[in-house]
Structure formats: structure tokens, C-alpha cells
All heavy atoms as atom14 arrays in JSON, in Angstrom:
{
  "sequence": "RKSINTNSFHKYGVKNLPKAFEIVGTTKDNNIEIAINKKKKFLGL",
  "atom14_mask": [
    [1, 1, 1, 1, 1, 1, 1, 1, 1, 1, 1, 0, 0, 0],
    [1, 1, 1, 1, 1, 1, 1, 1, 1, 0, 0, 0, 0, 0],
    [1, 1, 1, 1, 1, 1, 0, 0, 0, 0, 0, 0, 0, 0],
    [1, 1, 1, 1, 1, 1, 1, 1, 0, 0, 0, 0, 0, 0],
    [1, 1, 1, 1, 1, 1, 1, 1, 0, 0, 0, 0, 0, 0],
    [1, 1, 1, 1, 1, 1, 1, 0, 0, 0, 0, 0, 0, 0],
    [1, 1, 1, 1, 1, 1, 1, 1, 0, 0, 0, 0, 0, 0],
    [1, 1, 1, 1, 1, 1, 0, 0, 0, 0, 0, 0, 0, 0],
    [1, 1, 1, 1, 1, 1, 1, 1, 1, 1, 1, 0, 0, 0],
    [1, 1, 1, 1, 1, 1, 1, 1, 1, 1, 0, 0, 0, 0],
    [1, 1, 1, 1, 1, 1, 1, 1, 1, 0, 0, 0, 0, 0],
    [1, 1, 1, 1, 1, 1, 1, 1, 1, 1, 1, 1, 0, 0],
    [1, 1, 1, 1, 0, 0, 0, 0, 0, 0, 0, 0, 0, 0],
    [1, 1, 1, 1, 1, 1, 1, 0, 0, 0, 0, 0, 0, 0],
    [1, 1, 1, 1, 1, 1, 1, 1, 1, 0, 0, 0, 0, 0],
    [1, 1, 1, 1, 1, 1, 1, 1, 0, 0, 0, 0, 0, 0],
    [1, 1, 1, 1, 1, 1, 1, 1, 0, 0, 0, 0, 0, 0],
    [1, 1, 1, 1, 1, 1, 1, 0, 0, 0, 0, 0, 0, 0],
    [1, 1, 1, 1, 1, 1, 1, 1, 1, 0, 0, 0, 0, 0],
    [1, 1, 1, 1, 1, 0, 0, 0, 0, 0, 0, 0, 0, 0],
    [1, 1, 1, 1, 1, 1, 1, 1, 1, 1, 1, 0, 0, 0],
    [1, 1, 1, 1, 1, 1, 1, 1, 1, 0, 0, 0, 0, 0],
    [1, 1, 1, 1, 1, 1, 1, 1, 0, 0, 0, 0, 0, 0],
    [1, 1, 1, 1, 1, 1, 1, 0, 0, 0, 0, 0, 0, 0],
    [1, 1, 1, 1, 0, 0, 0, 0, 0, 0, 0, 0, 0, 0],
    [1, 1, 1, 1, 1, 1, 1, 0, 0, 0, 0, 0, 0, 0],
    [1, 1, 1, 1, 1, 1, 1, 0, 0, 0, 0, 0, 0, 0],
    [1, 1, 1, 1, 1, 1, 1, 1, 1, 0, 0, 0, 0, 0],
    [1, 1, 1, 1, 1, 1, 1, 1, 0, 0, 0, 0, 0, 0],
    [1, 1, 1, 1, 1, 1, 1, 1, 0, 0, 0, 0, 0, 0],
    [1, 1, 1, 1, 1, 1, 1, 1, 0, 0, 0, 0, 0, 0],
    [1, 1, 1, 1, 1, 1, 1, 1, 0, 0, 0, 0, 0, 0],
    [1, 1, 1, 1, 1, 1, 1, 1, 1, 0, 0, 0, 0, 0],
    [1, 1, 1, 1, 1, 1, 1, 1, 0, 0, 0, 0, 0, 0],
    [1, 1, 1, 1, 1, 0, 0, 0, 0, 0, 0, 0, 0, 0],
    [1, 1, 1, 1, 1, 1, 1, 1, 0, 0, 0, 0, 0, 0],
    [1, 1, 1, 1, 1, 1, 1, 1, 0, 0, 0, 0, 0, 0],
    [1, 1, 1, 1, 1, 1, 1, 1, 1, 0, 0, 0, 0, 0],
    [1, 1, 1, 1, 1, 1, 1, 1, 1, 0, 0, 0, 0, 0],
    [1, 1, 1, 1, 1, 1, 1, 1, 1, 0, 0, 0, 0, 0],
    [1, 1, 1, 1, 1, 1, 1, 1, 1, 0, 0, 0, 0, 0],
    [1, 1, 1, 1, 1, 1, 1, 1, 1, 1, 1, 0, 0, 0],
    [1, 1, 1, 1, 1, 1, 1, 1, 0, 0, 0, 0, 0, 0],
    [1, 1, 1, 1, 0, 0, 0, 0, 0, 0, 0, 0, 0, 0],
    [1, 1, 1, 1, 1, 1, 1, 1, 0, 0, 0, 0, 0, 0]
  ],
  "atom14_positions": [
    [[-15.68, -52.93, -121.89], [-15.93, -53.18, -123.31], [-15.2, -54.43, -123.69], [-14.05, -54.76, -123.22], [-15.41, -52.07, -124.18], [-16.15, -50.76, -124.08], [-17.39, -50.74, -124.96], [-17.06, -50.79, -126.31], [-17.38, -49.86, -127.26], [-18.04, -48.82, -126.86], [-17.08, -50.01, -128.46], [0.0, 0.0, 0.0], [0.0, 0.0, 0.0], [0.0, 0.0, 0.0]],
    [[-15.77, -55.21, -124.63], [-15.07, -56.45, -125.15], [-13.97, -56.05, -126.12], [-12.95, -56.72, -126.22], [-16.07, -57.4, -125.79], [-16.95, -58.14, -124.8], [-17.83, -59.08, -125.51], [-18.69, -59.86, -124.54], [-19.69, -60.7, -125.15], [0.0, 0.0, 0.0], [0.0, 0.0, 0.0], [0.0, 0.0, 0.0], [0.0, 0.0, 0.0], [0.0, 0.0, 0.0]],
    [[-14.19, -54.93, -126.83], [-13.17, -54.42, -127.81], [-13.38, -52.98, -128.1], [-14.48, -52.46, -127.87], [-13.2, -55.27, -129.09], [-14.39, -54.94, -129.82], [0.0, 0.0, 0.0], [0.0, 0.0, 0.0], [0.0, 0.0, 0.0], [0.0, 0.0, 0.0], [0.0, 0.0, 0.0], [0.0, 0.0, 0.0], [0.0, 0.0, 0.0], [0.0, 0.0, 0.0]],
    [[-12.25, -52.32, -128.57], [-12.39, -50.9, -129.01], [-11.68, -50.84, -130.36], [-10.74, -51.56, -130.63], [-11.76, -49.9, -127.99], [-10.36, -50.25, -127.62], [-12.66, -49.68, -126.85], [-9.63, -49.18, -126.81], [0.0, 0.0, 0.0], [0.0, 0.0, 0.0], [0.0, 0.0, 0.0], [0.0, 0.0, 0.0], [0.0, 0.0, 0.0], [0.0, 0.0, 0.0]],
    [[-12.18, -49.94, -131.18], [-11.58, -49.71, -132.47], [-10.63, -48.48, -132.42], [-11.02, -47.4, -132.01], [-12.63, -49.48, -133.54], [-12.06, -49.52, -134.96], [-11.55, -48.52, -135.46], [-12.17, -50.64, -135.59], [0.0, 0.0, 0.0], [0.0, 0.0, 0.0], [0.0, 0.0, 0.0], [0.0, 0.0, 0.0], [0.0, 0.0, 0.0], [0.0, 0.0, 0.0]],
    [[-9.37, -48.74, -132.8], [-8.33, -47.67, -132.69], [-7.6, -47.47, -133.99], [-7.61, -48.34, -134.88], [-7.29, -48.02, -131.61], [-6.46, -49.09, -132.09], [-7.92, -48.46, -130.25], [0.0, 0.0, 0.0], [0.0, 0.0, 0.0], [0.0, 0.0, 0.0], [0.0, 0.0, 0.0], [0.0, 0.0, 0.0], [0.0, 0.0, 0.0], [0.0, 0.0, 0.0]],
    [[-6.85, -46.43, -134.04], [-5.93, -46.17, -135.17], [-4.67, -46.99, -134.97], [-4.41, -47.58, -133.89], [-5.59, -44.7, -135.36], [-4.94, -44.07, -134.1], [-4.06, -44.67, -133.54], [-5.41, -42.91, -133.71], [0.0, 0.0, 0.0], [0.0, 0.0, 0.0], [0.0, 0.0, 0.0], [0.0, 0.0, 0.0], [0.0, 0.0, 0.0], [0.0, 0.0, 0.0]],
    [[-3.81, -47.04, -135.97], [-2.54, -47.76, -135.89], [-1.53, -47.24, -136.82], [-1.85, -47.17, -138.05], [-2.77, -49.3, -136.17], [-1.59, -50.04, -135.96], [0.0, 0.0, 0.0], [0.0, 0.0, 0.0], [0.0, 0.0, 0.0], [0.0, 0.0, 0.0], [0.0, 0.0, 0.0], [0.0, 0.0, 0.0], [0.0, 0.0, 0.0], [0.0, 0.0, 0.0]],
    [[-0.35, -46.85, -136.34], [0.64, -46.27, -137.18], [2.03, -46.87, -137.0], [3.01, -46.3, -137.47], [0.74, -44.72, -136.89], [-0.53, -43.98, -137.25], [-1.42, -43.69, -136.26], [-0.82, -43.58, -138.56], [-2.61, -42.93, -136.53], [-1.93, -42.82, -138.87], [-2.84, -42.58, -137.88], [0.0, 0.0, 0.0], [0.0, 0.0, 0.0], [0.0, 0.0, 0.0]],
    [[2.15, -47.9, -136.24], [3.44, -48.4, -135.86], [4.0, -49.58, -136.66], [3.26, -50.48, -137.09], [3.47, -48.74, -134.36], [2.45, -49.63, -133.89], [1.16, -49.28, -133.74], [2.53, -51.03, -133.63], [0.43, -50.31, -133.3], [1.2, -51.38, -133.22], [0.0, 0.0, 0.0], [0.0, 0.0, 0.0], [0.0, 0.0, 0.0], [0.0, 0.0, 0.0]],
    [[5.33, -49.61, -136.83], [6.03, -50.69, -137.51], [6.65, -51.7, -136.54], [7.07, -52.79, -136.89], [7.15, -50.18, -138.38], [6.7, -49.59, -139.68], [7.94, -49.24, -140.58], [8.54, -47.91, -140.21], [9.52, -47.48, -141.18], [0.0, 0.0, 0.0], [0.0, 0.0, 0.0], [0.0, 0.0, 0.0], [0.0, 0.0, 0.0], [0.0, 0.0, 0.0]],
    [[6.72, -51.26, -135.31], [7.34, -52.08, -134.21], [6.4, -52.31, -133.06], [5.62, -51.43, -132.73], [8.67, -51.41, -133.69], [9.69, -51.37, -134.85], [9.79, -50.31, -135.66], [10.61, -52.38, -134.95], [10.66, -50.26, -136.73], [11.58, -52.37, -135.98], [11.66, -51.29, -136.86], [12.57, -51.27, -137.86], [0.0, 0.0, 0.0], [0.0, 0.0, 0.0]],
    [[6.48, -53.47, -132.46], [5.63, -53.85, -131.38], [6.43, -54.2, -130.11], [7.67, -54.45, -130.16], [0.0, 0.0, 0.0], [0.0, 0.0, 0.0], [0.0, 0.0, 0.0], [0.0, 0.0, 0.0], [0.0, 0.0, 0.0], [0.0, 0.0, 0.0], [0.0, 0.0, 0.0], [0.0, 0.0, 0.0], [0.0, 0.0, 0.0], [0.0, 0.0, 0.0]],
    [[5.7, -54.32, -128.99], [6.33, -54.71, -127.74], [6.07, -56.21, -127.44], [4.97, -56.65, -127.53], [5.69, -53.93, -126.55], [6.18, -54.32, -125.24], [6.0, -52.41, -126.76], [0.0, 0.0, 0.0], [0.0, 0.0, 0.0], [0.0, 0.0, 0.0], [0.0, 0.0, 0.0], [0.0, 0.0, 0.0], [0.0, 0.0, 0.0], [0.0, 0.0, 0.0]],
    [[7.15, -56.91, -127.12], [7.04, -58.39, -126.82], [7.72, -58.6, -125.47], [8.61, -57.83, -125.07], [7.72, -59.21, -127.88], [7.06, -59.14, -129.27], [5.85, -60.03, -129.31], [5.2, -60.0, -130.69], [3.85, -60.54, -130.71], [0.0, 0.0, 0.0], [0.0, 0.0, 0.0], [0.0, 0.0, 0.0], [0.0, 0.0, 0.0], [0.0, 0.0, 0.0]],
    [[7.37, -59.74, -124.84], [8.04, -60.2, -123.59], [7.99, -59.16, -122.5], [9.02, -58.8, -121.91], [9.54, -60.64, -123.85], [9.62, -61.54, -125.06], [8.85, -62.47, -125.24], [10.59, -61.34, -125.89], [0.0, 0.0, 0.0], [0.0, 0.0, 0.0], [0.0, 0.0, 0.0], [0.0, 0.0, 0.0], [0.0, 0.0, 0.0], [0.0, 0.0, 0.0]],
    [[6.8, -58.6, -122.24], [6.7, -57.65, -121.14], [6.96, -58.38, -119.81], [6.47, -59.49, -119.56], [5.24, -57.11, -121.11], [4.95, -55.94, -122.02], [3.44, -55.58, -121.96], [5.77, -54.68, -121.73], [0.0, 0.0, 0.0], [0.0, 0.0, 0.0], [0.0, 0.0, 0.0], [0.0, 0.0, 0.0], [0.0, 0.0, 0.0], [0.0, 0.0, 0.0]],
    [[7.73, -57.78, -118.92], [7.96, -58.37, -117.56], [6.71, -58.61, -116.81], [5.63, -58.0, -117.11], [8.9, -57.36, -116.93], [9.5, -56.58, -118.0], [8.45, -56.57, -119.12], [0.0, 0.0, 0.0], [0.0, 0.0, 0.0], [0.0, 0.0, 0.0], [0.0, 0.0, 0.0], [0.0, 0.0, 0.0], [0.0, 0.0, 0.0], [0.0, 0.0, 0.0]],
    [[6.82, -59.44, -115.78], [5.62, -59.8, -114.99], [4.91, -58.6, -114.29], [3.77, -58.69, -114.02], [6.03, -60.86, -113.93], [6.2, -62.22, -114.51], [6.59, -63.19, -113.44], [6.87, -64.58, -114.04], [7.39, -65.55, -113.04], [0.0, 0.0, 0.0], [0.0, 0.0, 0.0], [0.0, 0.0, 0.0], [0.0, 0.0, 0.0], [0.0, 0.0, 0.0]],
    [[5.65, -57.56, -114.1], [5.06, -56.36, -113.43], [4.02, -55.7, -114.27], [3.19, -54.95, -113.84], [6.19, -55.32, -113.06], [0.0, 0.0, 0.0], [0.0, 0.0, 0.0], [0.0, 0.0, 0.0], [0.0, 0.0, 0.0], [0.0, 0.0, 0.0], [0.0, 0.0, 0.0], [0.0, 0.0, 0.0], [0.0, 0.0, 0.0], [0.0, 0.0, 0.0]],
    [[4.01, -56.02, -115.61], [3.04, -55.44, -116.52], [1.8, -56.39, -116.59], [1.97, -57.57, -116.52], [3.6, -55.29, -117.94], [4.59, -54.16, -118.06], [5.89, -54.3, -117.71], [4.18, -52.95, -118.62], [6.81, -53.29, -117.8], [5.07, -51.89, -118.72], [6.41, -52.03, -118.35], [0.0, 0.0, 0.0], [0.0, 0.0, 0.0], [0.0, 0.0, 0.0]],
    [[0.71, -55.76, -116.82], [-0.58, -56.51, -117.1], [-0.99, -56.18, -118.53], [-1.15, -54.97, -118.82], [-1.67, -56.19, -116.13], [-2.89, -56.99, -116.36], [-4.02, -56.6, -115.42], [-3.78, -55.89, -114.44], [-5.13, -57.05, -115.64], [0.0, 0.0, 0.0], [0.0, 0.0, 0.0], [0.0, 0.0, 0.0], [0.0, 0.0, 0.0], [0.0, 0.0, 0.0]],
    [[-1.13, -57.1, -119.38], [-1.64, -56.87, -120.78], [-3.14, -56.66, -120.73], [-3.88, -57.51, -120.23], [-1.21, -58.0, -121.71], [0.28, -58.12, -121.84], [-1.86, -57.74, -123.09], [0.84, -59.36, -122.47], [0.0, 0.0, 0.0], [0.0, 0.0, 0.0], [0.0, 0.0, 0.0], [0.0, 0.0, 0.0], [0.0, 0.0, 0.0], [0.0, 0.0, 0.0]],
    [[-3.56, -55.51, -121.18], [-4.96, -55.12, -121.1], [-5.66, -55.3, -122.43], [-6.85, -55.7, -122.51], [-5.12, -53.65, -120.59], [-6.56, -53.19, -120.6], [-4.48, -53.48, -119.25], [0.0, 0.0, 0.0], [0.0, 0.0, 0.0], [0.0, 0.0, 0.0], [0.0, 0.0, 0.0], [0.0, 0.0, 0.0], [0.0, 0.0, 0.0], [0.0, 0.0, 0.0]],
    [[-5.03, -55.04, -123.55], [-5.65, -55.16, -124.84], [-4.68, -55.68, -125.91], [-3.52, -55.24, -125.93], [0.0, 0.0, 0.0], [0.0, 0.0, 0.0], [0.0, 0.0, 0.0], [0.0, 0.0, 0.0], [0.0, 0.0, 0.0], [0.0, 0.0, 0.0], [0.0, 0.0, 0.0], [0.0, 0.0, 0.0], [0.0, 0.0, 0.0], [0.0, 0.0, 0.0]],
    [[-5.16, -56.52, -126.77], [-4.29, -57.09, -127.86], [-5.12, -57.09, -129.18], [-6.36, -57.04, -129.17], [-3.88, -58.55, -127.59], [-5.04, -59.3, -127.41], [-2.96, -58.59, -126.44], [0.0, 0.0, 0.0], [0.0, 0.0, 0.0], [0.0, 0.0, 0.0], [0.0, 0.0, 0.0], [0.0, 0.0, 0.0], [0.0, 0.0, 0.0], [0.0, 0.0, 0.0]],
    [[-4.39, -57.18, -130.32], [-5.08, -57.32, -131.56], [-5.27, -58.8, -131.85], [-4.71, -59.65, -131.16], [-4.26, -56.7, -132.73], [-2.92, -57.18, -132.62], [-4.2, -55.19, -132.67], [0.0, 0.0, 0.0], [0.0, 0.0, 0.0], [0.0, 0.0, 0.0], [0.0, 0.0, 0.0], [0.0, 0.0, 0.0], [0.0, 0.0, 0.0], [0.0, 0.0, 0.0]],
    [[-6.0, -59.15, -132.92], [-6.29, -60.53, -133.21], [-5.05, -61.3, -133.6], [-4.94, -62.5, -133.44], [-7.39, -60.68, -134.27], [-7.07, -60.15, -135.66], [-8.2, -60.36, -136.6], [-7.82, -59.82, -137.96], [-8.95, -59.96, -138.95], [0.0, 0.0, 0.0], [0.0, 0.0, 0.0], [0.0, 0.0, 0.0], [0.0, 0.0, 0.0], [0.0, 0.0, 0.0]],
    [[-3.99, -60.56, -134.08], [-2.7, -61.21, -134.36], [-1.81, -61.21, -133.14], [-0.58, -61.43, -133.26], [-2.0, -60.6, -135.61], [-1.75, -59.15, -135.46], [-2.2, -58.55, -134.49], [-1.1, -58.56, -136.36], [0.0, 0.0, 0.0], [0.0, 0.0, 0.0], [0.0, 0.0, 0.0], [0.0, 0.0, 0.0], [0.0, 0.0, 0.0], [0.0, 0.0, 0.0]],
    [[-2.42, -60.95, -131.97], [-1.74, -61.07, -130.66], [-0.63, -60.09, -130.44], [0.28, -60.31, -129.66], [-1.18, -62.52, -130.47], [-1.53, -63.05, -129.09], [-2.48, -62.58, -128.47], [-0.7, -63.91, -128.58], [0.0, 0.0, 0.0], [0.0, 0.0, 0.0], [0.0, 0.0, 0.0], [0.0, 0.0, 0.0], [0.0, 0.0, 0.0], [0.0, 0.0, 0.0]],
    [[-0.74, -58.92, -131.05], [0.18, -57.8, -130.7], [-0.41, -56.97, -129.53], [-1.61, -56.71, -129.48], [0.42, -56.91, -131.92], [1.45, -57.47, -132.87], [2.62, -57.7, -132.47], [1.05, -57.88, -134.01], [0.0, 0.0, 0.0], [0.0, 0.0, 0.0], [0.0, 0.0, 0.0], [0.0, 0.0, 0.0], [0.0, 0.0, 0.0], [0.0, 0.0, 0.0]],
    [[0.5, -56.61, -128.58], [0.1, -55.85, -127.45], [-0.29, -54.42, -127.81], [0.58, -53.7, -128.39], [1.16, -55.91, -126.36], [1.49, -57.34, -125.91], [0.79, -55.04, -125.17], [2.75, -57.51, -125.14], [0.0, 0.0, 0.0], [0.0, 0.0, 0.0], [0.0, 0.0, 0.0], [0.0, 0.0, 0.0], [0.0, 0.0, 0.0], [0.0, 0.0, 0.0]],
    [[-1.47, -53.98, -127.46], [-1.89, -52.61, -127.78], [-2.03, -51.75, -126.54], [-1.82, -50.59, -126.58], [-3.21, -52.61, -128.55], [-3.09, -53.19, -129.98], [-2.38, -52.18, -130.94], [-2.66, -50.97, -130.85], [-1.69, -52.66, -131.8], [0.0, 0.0, 0.0], [0.0, 0.0, 0.0], [0.0, 0.0, 0.0], [0.0, 0.0, 0.0], [0.0, 0.0, 0.0]],
    [[-2.43, -52.4, -125.37], [-2.61, -51.67, -124.14], [-2.07, -52.52, -123.01], [-2.25, -53.73, -122.93], [-4.13, -51.42, -123.81], [-4.84, -50.77, -125.03], [-4.26, -50.56, -122.57], [-6.37, -50.72, -124.89], [0.0, 0.0, 0.0], [0.0, 0.0, 0.0], [0.0, 0.0, 0.0], [0.0, 0.0, 0.0], [0.0, 0.0, 0.0], [0.0, 0.0, 0.0]],
    [[-1.21, -51.84, -122.14], [-0.72, -52.56, -120.98], [-0.57, -51.57, -119.78], [-0.43, -50.36, -120.04], [0.64, -53.21, -121.31], [0.0, 0.0, 0.0], [0.0, 0.0, 0.0], [0.0, 0.0, 0.0], [0.0, 0.0, 0.0], [0.0, 0.0, 0.0], [0.0, 0.0, 0.0], [0.0, 0.0, 0.0], [0.0, 0.0, 0.0], [0.0, 0.0, 0.0]],
    [[-0.63, -52.08, -118.63], [-0.4, -51.26, -117.42], [0.67, -51.83, -116.55], [0.88, -53.11, -116.55], [-1.7, -51.0, -116.6], [-2.4, -52.33, -116.28], [-2.65, -50.07, -117.31], [-3.61, -52.16, -115.32], [0.0, 0.0, 0.0], [0.0, 0.0, 0.0], [0.0, 0.0, 0.0], [0.0, 0.0, 0.0], [0.0, 0.0, 0.0], [0.0, 0.0, 0.0]],
    [[1.35, -51.01, -115.81], [2.3, -51.44, -114.79], [1.89, -50.7, -113.52], [2.18, -49.52, -113.37], [3.73, -51.07, -115.22], [4.8, -51.58, -114.25], [4.55, -51.53, -113.02], [5.91, -52.06, -114.76], [0.0, 0.0, 0.0], [0.0, 0.0, 0.0], [0.0, 0.0, 0.0], [0.0, 0.0, 0.0], [0.0, 0.0, 0.0], [0.0, 0.0, 0.0]],
    [[1.24, -51.42, -112.63], [0.64, -50.78, -111.43], [1.7, -50.25, -110.48], [1.59, -49.15, -109.93], [-0.27, -51.7, -110.69], [-1.67, -51.83, -111.37], [-2.56, -52.79, -110.61], [-2.81, -54.01, -111.5], [-3.56, -55.05, -110.82], [0.0, 0.0, 0.0], [0.0, 0.0, 0.0], [0.0, 0.0, 0.0], [0.0, 0.0, 0.0], [0.0, 0.0, 0.0]],
    [[2.8, -50.98, -110.38], [3.87, -50.62, -109.45], [4.45, -49.28, -109.88], [4.77, -48.42, -109.05], [4.93, -51.67, -109.44], [5.95, -51.53, -108.34], [6.93, -52.69, -108.36], [7.99, -52.48, -107.28], [9.05, -53.49, -107.36], [0.0, 0.0, 0.0], [0.0, 0.0, 0.0], [0.0, 0.0, 0.0], [0.0, 0.0, 0.0], [0.0, 0.0, 0.0]],
    [[4.63, -49.08, -111.16], [5.28, -47.85, -111.67], [4.23, -46.81, -112.23], [4.59, -45.87, -112.82], [6.32, -48.18, -112.75], [7.5, -48.84, -112.18], [8.62, -48.91, -113.25], [9.98, -49.33, -112.61], [10.11, -50.7, -112.27], [0.0, 0.0, 0.0], [0.0, 0.0, 0.0], [0.0, 0.0, 0.0], [0.0, 0.0, 0.0], [0.0, 0.0, 0.0]],
    [[2.94, -47.14, -111.96], [1.85, -46.26, -112.41], [1.98, -45.89, -113.87], [1.93, -44.74, -114.26], [1.8, -44.95, -111.56], [1.52, -45.2, -110.13], [1.38, -43.81, -109.41], [0.94, -44.03, -107.94], [0.87, -42.76, -107.24], [0.0, 0.0, 0.0], [0.0, 0.0, 0.0], [0.0, 0.0, 0.0], [0.0, 0.0, 0.0], [0.0, 0.0, 0.0]],
    [[2.11, -46.95, -114.76], [2.3, -46.69, -116.17], [1.14, -47.24, -116.98], [0.65, -48.41, -116.69], [3.6, -47.37, -116.6], [3.85, -47.28, -118.11], [4.33, -46.11, -118.67], [3.59, -48.36, -118.94], [4.51, -46.0, -120.05], [3.84, -48.31, -120.28], [4.31, -47.11, -120.84], [0.0, 0.0, 0.0], [0.0, 0.0, 0.0], [0.0, 0.0, 0.0]],
    [[0.71, -46.53, -117.99], [-0.26, -46.97, -118.97], [0.42, -46.87, -120.39], [0.87, -45.75, -120.77], [-1.56, -46.16, -118.96], [-2.57, -46.38, -120.05], [-3.18, -47.73, -120.02], [-3.61, -45.31, -120.04], [0.0, 0.0, 0.0], [0.0, 0.0, 0.0], [0.0, 0.0, 0.0], [0.0, 0.0, 0.0], [0.0, 0.0, 0.0], [0.0, 0.0, 0.0]],
    [[0.42, -47.95, -121.1], [1.05, -47.93, -122.46], [0.03, -48.21, -123.5], [-0.79, -49.1, -123.34], [0.0, 0.0, 0.0], [0.0, 0.0, 0.0], [0.0, 0.0, 0.0], [0.0, 0.0, 0.0], [0.0, 0.0, 0.0], [0.0, 0.0, 0.0], [0.0, 0.0, 0.0], [0.0, 0.0, 0.0], [0.0, 0.0, 0.0], [0.0, 0.0, 0.0]],
    [[0.0, -47.28, -124.5], [-0.97, -47.36, -125.62], [-0.16, -47.41, -126.9], [0.63, -46.51, -127.16], [-1.97, -46.22, -125.63], [-2.75, -45.92, -124.34], [-3.53, -44.61, -124.51], [-3.65, -47.13, -124.03], [0.0, 0.0, 0.0], [0.0, 0.0, 0.0], [0.0, 0.0, 0.0], [0.0, 0.0, 0.0], [0.0, 0.0, 0.0], [0.0, 0.0, 0.0]]
  ]
}
């Protein structure tokens, strides 16, 4: 999908993810919404 519509309840965001992470989804104001870390088998939403 090019985009998905989601809810949002947070006041704080994640910045400067290390290289082991891959950013999968962002908002138009460039906040990270989805990321994965394959090495550690992690999915962040």
C-alpha cells in the first residue's frame, strides 16, 4: 500500500533510529510511525 490511515494518541515520537532499524512508515510531518529491526525481530508501531 502507498499509505494507511491509523489512529494517533502519542505526545512523543522516536528520532535518530540506529542503522539496524528500517523506517517503514512516516507521517507527512516526517514522524516515524512504523519501523522494523530485522536483526532483533522487532516491529514498532
